């Protein structure tokens, strides 16, 4: 994980926490358990970091729902 992708993941954790009315550690746990960080956000950072915040949070929600997880 590069410094840029780490900063990106942290940004998304806080963005999701704000939308989902959760604490950032809770969001981190959700993203970790679903492998969203390691299998999606970091590997596809080059493409994803060009998208807007709303799109990214919605995309993460879709990712989680496809894996049977609720936010």
N, C-alpha and C. Protein backbone atom coordinates (compact mmCIF):
# COMPACT_ATOMS: atom_id res chain seq x y z
N UNK A 1 0.86 -1.17 0.00
CA UNK A 1 0.00 0.00 0.00
C UNK A 1 0.90 1.23 0.00
N UNK A 2 0.63 2.12 -0.92
CA UNK A 2 1.40 3.36 -0.98
C UNK A 2 0.82 4.39 -0.03
N UNK A 3 1.57 5.44 0.19
CA UNK A 3 1.08 6.53 1.04
C UNK A 3 -0.19 7.14 0.45
N UNK A 4 -0.23 7.29 -0.88
CA UNK A 4 -1.40 7.88 -1.54
C UNK A 4 -2.63 6.99 -1.38
N UNK A 5 -2.46 5.69 -1.56
CA UNK A 5 -3.62 4.80 -1.42
C UNK A 5 -4.07 4.72 0.03
N UNK A 6 -3.14 4.79 0.98
CA UNK A 6 -3.51 4.81 2.39
C UNK A 6 -4.32 6.06 2.71
N UNK A 7 -3.87 7.20 2.22
CA UNK A 7 -4.61 8.45 2.43
C UNK A 7 -6.00 8.36 1.82
N UNK A 8 -6.08 7.75 0.66
CA UNK A 8 -7.36 7.56 -0.03
C UNK A 8 -8.31 6.68 0.81
N UNK A 9 -7.80 5.59 1.33
CA UNK A 9 -8.62 4.69 2.14
C UNK A 9 -9.10 5.41 3.40
N UNK A 10 -8.24 6.15 4.04
CA UNK A 10 -8.64 6.91 5.24
C UNK A 10 -9.73 7.91 4.90
N UNK A 11 -9.56 8.63 3.79
CA UNK A 11 -10.59 9.57 3.33
C UNK A 11 -11.92 8.86 3.16
N UNK A 12 -11.91 7.69 2.54
CA UNK A 12 -13.15 6.96 2.29
C UNK A 12 -13.77 6.43 3.57
N UNK A 13 -12.96 6.03 4.51
CA UNK A 13 -13.50 5.57 5.80
C UNK A 13 -14.29 6.70 6.45
N UNK A 14 -13.72 7.90 6.46
CA UNK A 14 -14.42 9.03 7.07
C UNK A 14 -15.64 9.46 6.26
N UNK A 15 -15.57 9.37 4.93
CA UNK A 15 -16.72 9.72 4.08
C UNK A 15 -17.87 8.74 4.32
N UNK A 16 -17.55 7.46 4.39
CA UNK A 16 -18.58 6.45 4.66
C UNK A 16 -19.15 6.62 6.07
N UNK A 17 -18.30 6.88 7.02
CA UNK A 17 -18.75 7.08 8.40
C UNK A 17 -19.75 8.24 8.48
N UNK A 18 -19.47 9.31 7.78
CA UNK A 18 -20.38 10.47 7.79
C UNK A 18 -21.72 10.12 7.17
N UNK A 19 -21.70 9.41 6.05
CA UNK A 19 -22.96 9.07 5.37
C UNK A 19 -23.76 8.03 6.15
N UNK A 20 -23.07 7.06 6.74
CA UNK A 20 -23.74 5.96 7.42
C UNK A 20 -24.00 6.23 8.89
N UNK A 21 -23.62 7.41 9.37
CA UNK A 21 -23.78 7.76 10.79
C UNK A 21 -23.15 6.72 11.71
N UNK A 22 -21.91 6.36 11.38
CA UNK A 22 -21.16 5.40 12.18
C UNK A 22 -19.82 6.03 12.56
N UNK A 23 -19.17 5.45 13.52
CA UNK A 23 -17.82 5.88 13.89
C UNK A 23 -16.84 5.29 12.89
N UNK A 24 -15.75 6.00 12.67
CA UNK A 24 -14.76 5.53 11.69
C UNK A 24 -14.19 4.14 12.03
N UNK A 25 -13.96 3.79 13.29
CA UNK A 25 -13.48 2.42 13.56
C UNK A 25 -14.50 1.34 13.15
N UNK A 26 -15.80 1.67 13.28
CA UNK A 26 -16.83 0.73 12.85
C UNK A 26 -16.76 0.52 11.33
N UNK A 27 -16.60 1.61 10.61
CA UNK A 27 -16.51 1.52 9.15
C UNK A 27 -15.26 0.75 8.75
N UNK A 28 -14.16 1.03 9.41
CA UNK A 28 -12.93 0.29 9.13
C UNK A 28 -13.14 -1.21 9.31
N UNK A 29 -13.80 -1.61 10.40
CA UNK A 29 -14.07 -3.03 10.64
C UNK A 29 -14.92 -3.64 9.53
N UNK A 30 -15.94 -2.91 9.09
CA UNK A 30 -16.80 -3.39 8.01
C UNK A 30 -15.99 -3.59 6.73
N UNK A 31 -15.18 -2.60 6.40
CA UNK A 31 -14.39 -2.68 5.17
C UNK A 31 -13.33 -3.77 5.25
N UNK A 32 -12.76 -3.97 6.44
CA UNK A 32 -11.77 -5.04 6.62
C UNK A 32 -12.42 -6.41 6.49
N UNK A 33 -13.55 -6.62 7.17
CA UNK A 33 -14.23 -7.92 7.15
C UNK A 33 -14.69 -8.31 5.75
N UNK A 34 -15.02 -7.32 4.94
CA UNK A 34 -15.49 -7.59 3.58
C UNK A 34 -14.35 -7.67 2.58
N UNK A 35 -13.13 -7.42 3.05
CA UNK A 35 -11.94 -7.36 2.18
C UNK A 35 -12.02 -6.22 1.16
N UNK A 36 -12.85 -5.25 1.42
CA UNK A 36 -13.01 -4.12 0.50
C UNK A 36 -11.70 -3.34 0.34
N UNK A 37 -10.98 -3.17 1.40
CA UNK A 37 -9.74 -2.40 1.33
C UNK A 37 -8.68 -3.15 0.53
N UNK A 38 -8.44 -4.39 0.90
CA UNK A 38 -7.35 -5.15 0.28
C UNK A 38 -7.67 -5.67 -1.12
N UNK A 39 -8.96 -5.96 -1.38
CA UNK A 39 -9.32 -6.54 -2.67
C UNK A 39 -9.90 -5.55 -3.67
N UNK A 40 -10.26 -4.35 -3.19
CA UNK A 40 -10.91 -3.40 -4.10
C UNK A 40 -10.28 -2.02 -4.06
N UNK A 41 -10.29 -1.37 -2.92
CA UNK A 41 -9.85 0.02 -2.85
C UNK A 41 -8.37 0.21 -3.18
N UNK A 42 -7.52 -0.60 -2.61
CA UNK A 42 -6.07 -0.46 -2.85
C UNK A 42 -5.70 -0.91 -4.26
N UNK A 43 -6.12 -2.10 -4.70
CA UNK A 43 -5.72 -2.53 -6.06
C UNK A 43 -6.24 -1.62 -7.18
N UNK A 44 -7.40 -1.02 -6.98
CA UNK A 44 -7.99 -0.18 -8.03
C UNK A 44 -7.88 1.32 -7.72
N UNK A 45 -6.96 1.65 -6.84
CA UNK A 45 -6.76 3.05 -6.45
C UNK A 45 -6.57 3.96 -7.67
N UNK A 46 -5.77 3.53 -8.63
CA UNK A 46 -5.47 4.37 -9.80
C UNK A 46 -6.73 4.86 -10.51
N UNK A 47 -7.72 4.00 -10.60
CA UNK A 47 -8.98 4.37 -11.26
C UNK A 47 -9.93 5.07 -10.28
N UNK A 48 -10.06 4.49 -9.09
CA UNK A 48 -11.04 4.99 -8.13
C UNK A 48 -10.76 6.40 -7.63
N UNK A 49 -9.49 6.74 -7.47
CA UNK A 49 -9.20 8.06 -6.88
C UNK A 49 -9.60 9.21 -7.80
N UNK A 50 -9.97 8.92 -9.04
CA UNK A 50 -10.41 9.97 -9.96
C UNK A 50 -11.91 10.25 -9.85
N UNK A 51 -12.61 9.44 -9.05
CA UNK A 51 -14.06 9.58 -8.92
C UNK A 51 -14.41 10.50 -7.75
N UNK A 52 -15.66 10.94 -7.74
CA UNK A 52 -16.14 11.82 -6.68
C UNK A 52 -16.52 11.05 -5.42
N UNK A 53 -16.61 11.77 -4.34
CA UNK A 53 -16.91 11.17 -3.03
C UNK A 53 -18.23 10.43 -3.02
N UNK A 54 -19.29 11.04 -3.53
CA UNK A 54 -20.61 10.40 -3.53
C UNK A 54 -20.58 9.10 -4.32
N UNK A 55 -19.98 9.14 -5.50
CA UNK A 55 -19.88 7.93 -6.32
C UNK A 55 -19.14 6.83 -5.56
N UNK A 56 -18.04 7.18 -4.92
CA UNK A 56 -17.22 6.19 -4.22
C UNK A 56 -17.96 5.57 -3.04
N UNK A 57 -18.64 6.38 -2.26
CA UNK A 57 -19.38 5.84 -1.12
C UNK A 57 -20.51 4.94 -1.63
N UNK A 58 -21.21 5.35 -2.66
CA UNK A 58 -22.27 4.51 -3.24
C UNK A 58 -21.68 3.21 -3.79
N UNK A 59 -20.52 3.30 -4.41
CA UNK A 59 -19.85 2.13 -4.96
C UNK A 59 -19.45 1.16 -3.85
N UNK A 60 -18.96 1.68 -2.76
CA UNK A 60 -18.59 0.84 -1.62
C UNK A 60 -19.84 0.17 -1.05
N UNK A 61 -20.94 0.90 -0.96
CA UNK A 61 -22.19 0.30 -0.49
C UNK A 61 -22.60 -0.86 -1.39
N UNK A 62 -22.49 -0.69 -2.70
CA UNK A 62 -22.82 -1.76 -3.65
C UNK A 62 -21.89 -2.96 -3.44
N UNK A 63 -20.62 -2.69 -3.27
CA UNK A 63 -19.64 -3.74 -3.02
C UNK A 63 -20.04 -4.56 -1.79
N UNK A 64 -20.40 -3.86 -0.73
CA UNK A 64 -20.77 -4.54 0.51
C UNK A 64 -22.06 -5.31 0.36
N UNK A 65 -23.06 -4.75 -0.29
CA UNK A 65 -24.33 -5.44 -0.48
C UNK A 65 -24.16 -6.72 -1.30
N UNK A 66 -23.29 -6.69 -2.31
CA UNK A 66 -23.04 -7.89 -3.11
C UNK A 66 -22.40 -8.99 -2.28
N UNK A 67 -21.79 -8.63 -1.18
CA UNK A 67 -21.17 -9.59 -0.30
C UNK A 67 -22.05 -9.89 0.94
N UNK A 68 -23.30 -9.43 0.89
CA UNK A 68 -24.25 -9.72 1.95
C UNK A 68 -24.05 -8.95 3.23
N UNK A 69 -23.39 -7.81 3.14
CA UNK A 69 -23.13 -6.99 4.33
C UNK A 69 -24.03 -5.75 4.34
N UNK A 70 -24.45 -5.37 5.51
CA UNK A 70 -25.27 -4.18 5.70
C UNK A 70 -24.44 -3.07 6.28
N UNK A 71 -24.81 -1.83 5.95
CA UNK A 71 -24.12 -0.68 6.54
C UNK A 71 -25.03 0.04 7.50
